[in-house]
């Protein structure tokens, strides 16, 4: 059965389909620089790093020191890791295979 998000729309499907056409980090920079603010991109990358560190068992305090993420951000990411759609887990598993 295919996953269906709570917020799925045809427009969001088109956005994700467009992202899936990107073939390199350089192409991602080009699209995301046009699509998002620098702060939004930084926030997303910070949350992904927080998820990675939480997954490795790093304490909230050490994550905050390393990433400068607020306790609210760390808690929100932890909640997503435990009760979310498993997107973080999927990406962390796939990226760990490519960085070994």
C-alpha atoms as a PDB file:
ATOM      1  CA  UNK A   1       0.000   0.000   0.000  1.00  0.00           C
ATOM      2  CA  UNK A   2       1.366   3.428  -0.915  1.00  0.00           C
ATOM      3  CA  UNK A   3       1.966   5.976   1.814  1.00  0.00           C
ATOM      4  CA  UNK A   4      -0.496   8.871   1.804  1.00  0.00           C
ATOM      5  CA  UNK A   5       0.481  11.998   3.723  1.00  0.00           C
ATOM      6  CA  UNK A   6      -2.019  13.981   5.772  1.00  0.00           C
ATOM      7  CA  UNK A   7      -1.130  17.122   3.814  1.00  0.00           C
ATOM      8  CA  UNK A   8      -0.845  15.688   0.308  1.00  0.00           C
ATOM      9  CA  UNK A   9      -2.097  17.805  -2.567  1.00  0.00           C
ATOM     10  CA  UNK A  10      -1.528  17.696  -6.307  1.00  0.00           C
ATOM     11  CA  UNK A  11       0.686  20.779  -6.012  1.00  0.00           C
ATOM     12  CA  UNK A  12       2.861  19.191  -3.335  1.00  0.00           C
ATOM     13  CA  UNK A  13       3.063  15.993  -5.387  1.00  0.00           C
ATOM     14  CA  UNK A  14       4.372  18.113  -8.297  1.00  0.00           C
ATOM     15  CA  UNK A  15       6.955  19.738  -6.012  1.00  0.00           C
ATOM     16  CA  UNK A  16       8.254  16.369  -4.834  1.00  0.00           C
ATOM     17  CA  UNK A  17       8.243  15.003  -8.374  1.00  0.00           C
ATOM     18  CA  UNK A  18      10.335  18.023  -9.405  1.00  0.00           C
ATOM     19  CA  UNK A  19      12.795  17.369  -6.561  1.00  0.00           C
ATOM     20  CA  UNK A  20      13.089  13.738  -7.653  1.00  0.00           C
ATOM     21  CA  UNK A  21      14.291  14.897 -11.089  1.00  0.00           C
ATOM     22  CA  UNK A  22      17.408  16.486  -9.578  1.00  0.00           C
ATOM     23  CA  UNK A  23      20.576  14.543 -10.321  1.00  0.00           C
ATOM     24  CA  UNK A  24      23.276  16.166  -8.193  1.00  0.00           C
ATOM     25  CA  UNK A  25      23.950  18.217  -5.107  1.00  0.00           C
ATOM     26  CA  UNK A  26      24.685  21.153  -7.424  1.00  0.00           C
ATOM     27  CA  UNK A  27      21.222  20.855  -8.978  1.00  0.00           C
ATOM     28  CA  UNK A  28      19.701  20.699  -5.488  1.00  0.00           C
ATOM     29  CA  UNK A  29      21.502  23.912  -4.537  1.00  0.00           C
ATOM     30  CA  UNK A  30      20.131  25.607  -7.642  1.00  0.00           C
ATOM     31  CA  UNK A  31      16.510  24.637  -6.993  1.00  0.00           C
ATOM     32  CA  UNK A  32      16.512  25.106  -3.234  1.00  0.00           C
ATOM     33  CA  UNK A  33      18.265  28.474  -3.485  1.00  0.00           C
ATOM     34  CA  UNK A  34      15.430  29.637  -5.734  1.00  0.00           C
ATOM     35  CA  UNK A  35      12.695  27.877  -3.788  1.00  0.00           C
ATOM     36  CA  UNK A  36      13.637  28.533  -0.149  1.00  0.00           C
ATOM     37  CA  UNK A  37      15.277  31.176   1.953  1.00  0.00           C
ATOM     38  CA  UNK A  38      18.818  30.497   3.124  1.00  0.00           C
ATOM     39  CA  UNK A  39      17.435  30.264   6.679  1.00  0.00           C
ATOM     40  CA  UNK A  40      14.900  27.606   5.654  1.00  0.00           C
ATOM     41  CA  UNK A  41      17.637  25.509   4.051  1.00  0.00           C
ATOM     42  CA  UNK A  42      19.865  25.932   7.111  1.00  0.00           C
ATOM     43  CA  UNK A  43      16.980  24.954   9.404  1.00  0.00           C
ATOM     44  CA  UNK A  44      16.250  21.804   7.389  1.00  0.00           C
ATOM     45  CA  UNK A  45      19.904  20.768   7.375  1.00  0.00           C
ATOM     46  CA  UNK A  46      20.114  21.425  11.123  1.00  0.00           C
ATOM     47  CA  UNK A  47      17.068  19.221  11.773  1.00  0.00           C
ATOM     48  CA  UNK A  48      18.568  16.411   9.708  1.00  0.00           C
ATOM     49  CA  UNK A  49      21.815  16.642  11.695  1.00  0.00           C
ATOM     50  CA  UNK A  50      19.825  16.639  14.949  1.00  0.00           C
ATOM     51  CA  UNK A  51      18.000  13.498  13.779  1.00  0.00           C
ATOM     52  CA  UNK A  52      21.318  11.822  12.955  1.00  0.00           C
ATOM     53  CA  UNK A  53      22.751  12.649  16.376  1.00  0.00           C
ATOM     54  CA  UNK A  54      19.601  11.550  18.209  1.00  0.00           C
ATOM     55  CA  UNK A  55      19.677   8.311  16.249  1.00  0.00           C
ATOM     56  CA  UNK A  56      23.266   7.811  17.440  1.00  0.00           C
ATOM     57  CA  UNK A  57      22.180   8.298  21.072  1.00  0.00           C
ATOM     58  CA  UNK A  58      23.799  11.708  21.620  1.00  0.00           C
ATOM     59  CA  UNK A  59      22.303  13.655  24.545  1.00  0.00           C
ATOM     60  CA  UNK A  60      20.077  16.690  24.012  1.00  0.00           C
ATOM     61  CA  UNK A  61      22.677  18.849  25.752  1.00  0.00           C
ATOM     62  CA  UNK A  62      25.508  17.734  23.468  1.00  0.00           C
ATOM     63  CA  UNK A  63      23.306  18.057  20.390  1.00  0.00           C
ATOM     64  CA  UNK A  64      22.443  21.605  21.398  1.00  0.00           C
ATOM     65  CA  UNK A  65      26.128  22.452  21.868  1.00  0.00           C
ATOM     66  CA  UNK A  66      27.154  20.893  18.538  1.00  0.00           C
ATOM     67  CA  UNK A  67      24.285  22.146  16.363  1.00  0.00           C
ATOM     68  CA  UNK A  68      23.083  25.238  18.236  1.00  0.00           C
ATOM     69  CA  UNK A  69      19.553  23.806  17.912  1.00  0.00           C
ATOM     70  CA  UNK A  70      17.056  24.844  20.544  1.00  0.00           C
ATOM     71  CA  UNK A  71      15.655  22.279  22.954  1.00  0.00           C
ATOM     72  CA  UNK A  72      12.277  22.745  21.210  1.00  0.00           C
ATOM     73  CA  UNK A  73      13.807  21.811  17.845  1.00  0.00           C
ATOM     74  CA  UNK A  74      15.592  18.798  19.309  1.00  0.00           C
ATOM     75  CA  UNK A  75      12.391  17.672  21.019  1.00  0.00           C
ATOM     76  CA  UNK A  76      10.344  18.114  17.823  1.00  0.00           C
ATOM     77  CA  UNK A  77      12.846  16.048  15.832  1.00  0.00           C
ATOM     78  CA  UNK A  78      12.885  13.377  18.560  1.00  0.00           C
ATOM     79  CA  UNK A  79       9.093  13.218  18.411  1.00  0.00           C
ATOM     80  CA  UNK A  80       9.247  12.785  14.629  1.00  0.00           C
ATOM     81  CA  UNK A  81      11.815  10.000  15.020  1.00  0.00           C
ATOM     82  CA  UNK A  82       9.529   8.201  17.460  1.00  0.00           C
ATOM     83  CA  UNK A  83       6.060   8.909  16.098  1.00  0.00           C
ATOM     84  CA  UNK A  84       6.498  10.424  12.631  1.00  0.00           C
ATOM     85  CA  UNK A  85       6.261   9.031   9.125  1.00  0.00           C
ATOM     86  CA  UNK A  86       9.785   7.500   9.306  1.00  0.00           C
ATOM     87  CA  UNK A  87      11.199   9.943   6.759  1.00  0.00           C
ATOM     88  CA  UNK A  88      14.204  10.741   8.927  1.00  0.00           C
ATOM     89  CA  UNK A  89      14.883   7.040   9.477  1.00  0.00           C
ATOM     90  CA  UNK A  90      14.641   6.333   5.754  1.00  0.00           C
ATOM     91  CA  UNK A  91      17.077   9.087   4.816  1.00  0.00           C
ATOM     92  CA  UNK A  92      19.486   8.358   7.675  1.00  0.00           C
ATOM     93  CA  UNK A  93      19.627   4.696   6.715  1.00  0.00           C
ATOM     94  CA  UNK A  94      20.238   5.486   3.052  1.00  0.00           C
ATOM     95  CA  UNK A  95      22.833   8.181   3.680  1.00  0.00           C
ATOM     96  CA  UNK A  96      24.717   6.025   6.178  1.00  0.00           C
ATOM     97  CA  UNK A  97      25.138   3.404   3.453  1.00  0.00           C
ATOM     98  CA  UNK A  98      26.568   5.962   1.017  1.00  0.00           C
ATOM     99  CA  UNK A  99      28.989   7.550   3.506  1.00  0.00           C
ATOM    100  CA  UNK A 100      30.638   4.352   4.775  1.00  0.00           C
END
